[in-house]
């Protein structure tokens, strides 16, 4: 494995990512102000967590205000709080990274009988702490960066729902990509109290410190009257695949979504 410093020097990179973050915030503000003054279309709240058997994972909570510009288009404005944690092998030893952060994004969303597609741009600030296992001292830095996410969920017949999500967090230089296919198992008319889905997913994620490929299954239940969705995912994950001894194990995840 290439040597990766536990106290990664932030100065030059921080200036560049801060400039990128400021530009992204400006783009988000312009997108918001350019939207015609229509009524509030809705409010979304959601959160979740994903973790593996090697104490690596990501947790988040977010709130979104939807501003409608037409029947087919809206502008989501989203605030997110998150916590990224992982570890990797390096010459000093096992390096632990803990990075809480906050961010804001905005952008266009198109929806119709075919499904929904969203593009969000913005910025985030993350407080990153790195420490070597066994050493009580560590380096802490604040990193600002560009934040981008594109996602789409399509309607494929009466039951199938393929989806894709790609995100980039510039403060951690972290990329996350996920494709999934869900099948609706019940209540095709959405007139009952619950709707059940089951499906499969594949995920690729990482940065210069760590990377992973994973795949598994998912189960989701929608409580129609409460406008609440609950999902559970689990499967197999292989991390640091470029190492002579990659990490192998399982992962689990859960998520909540509520439309107000």
Protein backbone atom coordinates (compact mmCIF):
# COMPACT_ATOMS: atom_id res chain seq x y z
CA UNK A 1 0.00 0.00 0.00
CA UNK A 2 1.20 3.52 -0.71
CA UNK A 3 2.18 5.49 2.36
CA UNK A 4 -0.65 7.76 3.55
CA UNK A 5 0.19 10.33 6.22
CA UNK A 6 -1.95 10.23 9.34
CA UNK A 7 -1.56 14.02 9.69
CA UNK A 8 -2.43 14.90 6.08
CA UNK A 9 -1.32 18.51 5.46
CA UNK A 10 -4.47 20.64 5.02
CA UNK A 11 -3.18 24.08 4.06
CA UNK A 12 -3.15 24.13 0.24
CA UNK A 13 -5.97 21.63 -0.16
CA UNK A 14 -8.07 23.51 2.38
CA UNK A 15 -7.76 26.76 0.44
CA UNK A 16 -8.81 25.02 -2.79
CA UNK A 17 -11.71 23.11 -1.25
CA UNK A 18 -12.87 26.21 0.62
CA UNK A 19 -12.96 28.14 -2.66
CA UNK A 20 -14.87 25.27 -4.28
CA UNK A 21 -17.28 25.16 -1.37
CA UNK A 22 -17.96 28.89 -1.56
CA UNK A 23 -18.62 28.62 -5.29
CA UNK A 24 -21.00 25.70 -4.73
CA UNK A 25 -22.92 27.65 -2.07
CA UNK A 26 -23.23 30.53 -4.54
CA UNK A 27 -24.59 28.17 -7.22
CA UNK A 28 -27.13 26.83 -4.72
CA UNK A 29 -28.22 30.36 -3.78
CA UNK A 30 -28.64 31.37 -7.43
CA UNK A 31 -30.72 28.24 -8.10
CA UNK A 32 -32.94 29.09 -5.15
CA UNK A 33 -33.38 32.77 -6.04
CA UNK A 34 -34.00 31.96 -9.72
CA UNK A 35 -36.98 29.80 -8.85
CA UNK A 36 -40.32 31.57 -9.41
CA UNK A 37 -42.11 32.47 -6.16
CA UNK A 38 -44.50 29.53 -5.88
CA UNK A 39 -46.01 27.99 -2.79
CA UNK A 40 -44.09 25.58 -0.63
CA UNK A 41 -44.47 22.13 -2.21
CA UNK A 42 -43.54 20.14 0.86
CA UNK A 43 -40.99 19.29 3.52
CA UNK A 44 -38.93 16.10 3.72
CA UNK A 45 -37.01 14.70 6.66
CA UNK A 46 -34.79 11.65 6.49
CA UNK A 47 -31.79 9.99 8.07
CA UNK A 48 -29.87 6.77 8.23
CA UNK A 49 -26.72 4.88 9.04
CA UNK A 50 -24.48 2.36 7.28
CA UNK A 51 -21.71 0.44 9.03
CA UNK A 52 -19.58 -2.67 8.64
CA UNK A 53 -17.85 -5.31 10.75
CA UNK A 54 -14.58 -3.31 10.71
CA UNK A 55 -16.01 -0.28 12.54
CA UNK A 56 -16.33 1.87 9.42
CA UNK A 57 -19.46 3.71 8.47
CA UNK A 58 -21.51 6.83 7.85
CA UNK A 59 -24.51 8.35 9.62
CA UNK A 60 -26.63 11.30 8.52
CA UNK A 61 -29.79 13.33 9.14
CA UNK A 62 -31.27 15.84 6.71
CA UNK A 63 -34.18 18.19 6.18
CA UNK A 64 -35.41 19.42 2.79
CA UNK A 65 -37.73 22.24 1.78
CA UNK A 66 -39.34 21.74 -1.65
CA UNK A 67 -40.15 24.86 -3.67
CA UNK A 68 -42.38 24.09 -6.65
CA UNK A 69 -41.66 25.88 -9.92
CA UNK A 70 -44.14 23.92 -12.08
CA UNK A 71 -46.08 20.67 -12.04
CA UNK A 72 -43.01 18.76 -13.24
CA UNK A 73 -40.17 20.71 -11.58
CA UNK A 74 -39.22 21.79 -8.08
CA UNK A 75 -36.16 23.10 -6.22
CA UNK A 76 -35.15 21.12 -3.11
CA UNK A 77 -33.12 23.09 -0.54
CA UNK A 78 -31.43 20.66 1.86
CA UNK A 79 -29.48 20.96 5.12
CA UNK A 80 -27.53 17.88 6.24
CA UNK A 81 -25.60 16.82 9.32
CA UNK A 82 -23.36 13.75 9.01
CA UNK A 83 -20.66 11.69 10.70
CA UNK A 84 -18.07 9.79 8.64
CA UNK A 85 -15.75 7.33 10.36
CA UNK A 86 -13.24 4.81 9.01
CA UNK A 87 -9.74 3.43 9.49
CA UNK A 88 -6.88 2.31 7.27
CA UNK A 89 -3.47 0.68 7.58
CA UNK A 90 -0.45 2.97 7.29
CA UNK A 91 3.24 2.93 8.22
CA UNK A 92 2.66 4.51 11.66
CA UNK A 93 0.01 1.85 12.34
CA UNK A 94 -3.78 1.69 12.17
CA UNK A 95 -5.10 5.20 11.50
CA UNK A 96 -8.59 6.16 12.68
CA UNK A 97 -10.49 9.01 11.04
CA UNK A 98 -13.51 10.67 12.63
CA UNK A 99 -15.19 13.46 10.64
CA UNK A 100 -18.50 15.09 11.62
CA UNK A 101 -19.82 17.64 9.16
CA UNK A 102 -22.65 19.95 8.08
CA UNK A 103 -23.69 20.94 4.59
CA UNK A 104 -26.31 22.68 2.49
CA UNK A 105 -27.33 21.94 -1.11
CA UNK A 106 -29.95 23.01 -3.61
CA UNK A 107 -30.82 22.22 -7.21
CA UNK A 108 -33.45 21.10 -9.71
CA UNK A 109 -35.75 18.09 -9.39
CA UNK A 110 -37.86 16.71 -12.25
CA UNK A 111 -40.69 14.25 -11.64
CA UNK A 112 -43.51 12.60 -13.51
CA UNK A 113 -45.05 9.26 -14.34
CA UNK A 114 -41.60 8.01 -15.36
CA UNK A 115 -40.06 8.67 -11.93
CA UNK A 116 -37.91 11.34 -10.27
CA UNK A 117 -34.42 12.79 -10.92
CA UNK A 118 -32.56 15.31 -8.74
CA UNK A 119 -29.28 17.22 -8.99
CA UNK A 120 -28.02 18.97 -5.84
CA UNK A 121 -24.99 21.25 -5.52
CA UNK A 122 -23.63 22.99 -2.46
CA UNK A 123 -20.90 23.05 0.15
CA UNK A 124 -20.01 21.51 3.47
CA UNK A 125 -17.72 21.97 6.44
CA UNK A 126 -16.19 18.91 8.08
CA UNK A 127 -14.11 18.62 11.26
CA UNK A 128 -11.66 15.79 10.67
CA UNK A 129 -9.59 14.12 13.39
CA UNK A 130 -6.91 11.51 12.61
CA UNK A 131 -5.14 9.41 15.23
CA UNK A 132 -2.95 6.33 15.27
CA UNK A 133 -4.31 3.45 17.36
CA UNK A 134 -2.42 3.38 20.66
CA UNK A 135 -1.38 7.03 20.43
CA UNK A 136 -3.50 9.46 22.51
CA UNK A 137 -2.51 12.39 20.29
CA UNK A 138 -4.01 13.16 16.91
CA UNK A 139 -4.34 15.88 14.31
CA UNK A 140 -7.61 17.79 13.91
CA UNK A 141 -8.42 20.10 11.01
CA UNK A 142 -11.47 21.86 9.58
CA UNK A 143 -12.06 21.22 5.89
CA UNK A 144 -14.51 23.00 3.62
CA UNK A 145 -15.47 21.53 0.28
CA UNK A 146 -17.76 21.14 -2.67
CA UNK A 147 -20.78 18.89 -2.22
CA UNK A 148 -22.67 17.30 -5.13
CA UNK A 149 -25.30 14.59 -5.46
CA UNK A 150 -27.27 13.20 -8.40
CA UNK A 151 -29.99 10.59 -7.95
CA UNK A 152 -32.85 9.12 -9.92
CA UNK A 153 -35.60 6.57 -9.31
CA UNK A 154 -37.48 5.23 -12.33
CA UNK A 155 -40.83 3.51 -12.77
CA UNK A 156 -40.37 0.22 -14.64
CA UNK A 157 -43.74 -1.41 -15.11
CA UNK A 158 -46.13 -1.80 -12.20
CA UNK A 159 -43.69 -3.32 -9.73
CA UNK A 160 -40.04 -2.55 -10.53
CA UNK A 161 -38.22 0.55 -9.25
CA UNK A 162 -34.56 0.86 -10.41
CA UNK A 163 -32.57 3.69 -8.82
CA UNK A 164 -29.09 5.22 -8.86
CA UNK A 165 -27.30 7.64 -6.54
CA UNK A 166 -23.85 9.24 -6.89
CA UNK A 167 -22.43 11.74 -4.40
CA UNK A 168 -19.14 13.54 -3.83
CA UNK A 169 -18.04 15.20 -0.58
CA UNK A 170 -15.08 17.45 -1.33
CA UNK A 171 -14.05 18.03 2.27
CA UNK A 172 -13.23 14.33 2.65
CA UNK A 173 -12.64 13.74 -1.08
CA UNK A 174 -15.14 10.90 -0.69
CA UNK A 175 -17.18 9.33 -3.51
CA UNK A 176 -20.24 7.17 -2.91
CA UNK A 177 -22.16 5.37 -5.65
CA UNK A 178 -25.15 3.04 -5.35
CA UNK A 179 -27.45 1.24 -7.79
CA UNK A 180 -30.50 -0.66 -6.59
CA UNK A 181 -33.50 -2.52 -7.94
CA UNK A 182 -36.64 -2.77 -5.79
CA UNK A 183 -39.74 -4.84 -6.49
CA UNK A 184 -43.10 -3.81 -5.05
CA UNK A 185 -44.58 -6.83 -3.26
CA UNK A 186 -47.97 -5.53 -2.15
CA UNK A 187 -50.66 -2.86 -2.48
CA UNK A 188 -50.04 -1.90 -6.12
CA UNK A 189 -52.78 0.75 -5.96
CA UNK A 190 -51.33 2.37 -2.81
CA UNK A 191 -54.85 2.39 -1.32
CA UNK A 192 -53.98 0.21 1.66
CA UNK A 193 -52.09 1.13 4.82
CA UNK A 194 -48.70 -0.40 3.92
CA UNK A 195 -46.60 -1.04 0.82
CA UNK A 196 -43.74 -3.57 0.94
CA UNK A 197 -40.66 -3.66 -1.28
CA UNK A 198 -37.71 -6.05 -1.55
CA UNK A 199 -34.64 -5.77 -3.73
CA UNK A 200 -30.90 -5.86 -4.28
CA UNK A 201 -28.14 -3.23 -4.34
CA UNK A 202 -24.49 -2.71 -5.27
CA UNK A 203 -22.27 0.03 -3.78
CA UNK A 204 -18.82 1.44 -4.51
CA UNK A 205 -17.33 4.04 -2.20
CA UNK A 206 -14.09 5.50 -0.87
CA UNK A 207 -11.31 8.07 -1.13
CA UNK A 208 -7.50 7.99 -1.22
CA UNK A 209 -7.42 6.44 2.28
CA UNK A 210 -9.91 3.62 1.90
CA UNK A 211 -12.23 2.09 -0.69
CA UNK A 212 -14.86 -0.61 -0.80
CA UNK A 213 -17.16 -2.66 -2.99
CA UNK A 214 -20.28 -4.18 -1.49
CA UNK A 215 -23.56 -5.80 -2.41
CA UNK A 216 -26.61 -7.14 -0.66
CA UNK A 217 -30.35 -7.11 -0.25
CA UNK A 218 -32.92 -4.67 1.09
CA UNK A 219 -36.42 -4.60 2.54
CA UNK A 220 -38.57 -1.48 2.72
CA UNK A 221 -42.01 -0.75 4.13
CA UNK A 222 -44.02 2.39 3.38
CA UNK A 223 -46.68 3.47 5.86
CA UNK A 224 -49.02 5.20 3.44
CA UNK A 225 -51.12 7.32 5.80
CA UNK A 226 -48.15 8.39 7.92
CA UNK A 227 -46.08 9.19 4.79
CA UNK A 228 -43.23 7.27 6.40
CA UNK A 229 -40.75 4.88 4.82
CA UNK A 230 -38.47 2.50 6.76
CA UNK A 231 -35.71 0.50 5.05
CA UNK A 232 -33.19 -2.12 6.17
CA UNK A 233 -30.19 -3.25 4.08
CA UNK A 234 -27.42 -5.80 4.61
CA UNK A 235 -24.82 -7.76 2.66
CA UNK A 236 -21.16 -8.47 1.97
CA UNK A 237 -18.41 -5.83 1.86
CA UNK A 238 -14.75 -5.93 0.82
CA UNK A 239 -12.58 -2.92 1.74
CA UNK A 240 -9.06 -1.81 0.79
CA UNK A 241 -9.04 -4.20 -2.15
CA UNK A 242 -5.63 -2.95 -3.33
CA UNK A 243 -3.99 -4.20 -0.11
CA UNK A 244 -2.32 -7.62 0.06
CA UNK A 245 -4.80 -8.51 2.79
CA UNK A 246 -8.13 -6.77 2.03
CA UNK A 247 -10.76 -6.48 4.72
CA UNK A 248 -13.73 -8.77 4.23
CA UNK A 249 -16.96 -8.86 6.18
CA UNK A 250 -20.54 -7.79 6.32
CA UNK A 251 -22.40 -4.49 6.41
CA UNK A 252 -25.79 -3.36 7.64
CA UNK A 253 -27.77 -0.18 7.15
CA UNK A 254 -31.07 1.41 8.02
CA UNK A 255 -32.97 4.49 6.94
CA UNK A 256 -36.09 6.57 7.63
CA UNK A 257 -37.92 8.98 5.34
CA UNK A 258 -40.92 11.15 6.18
CA UNK A 259 -42.85 13.56 3.95
CA UNK A 260 -44.58 16.30 5.93
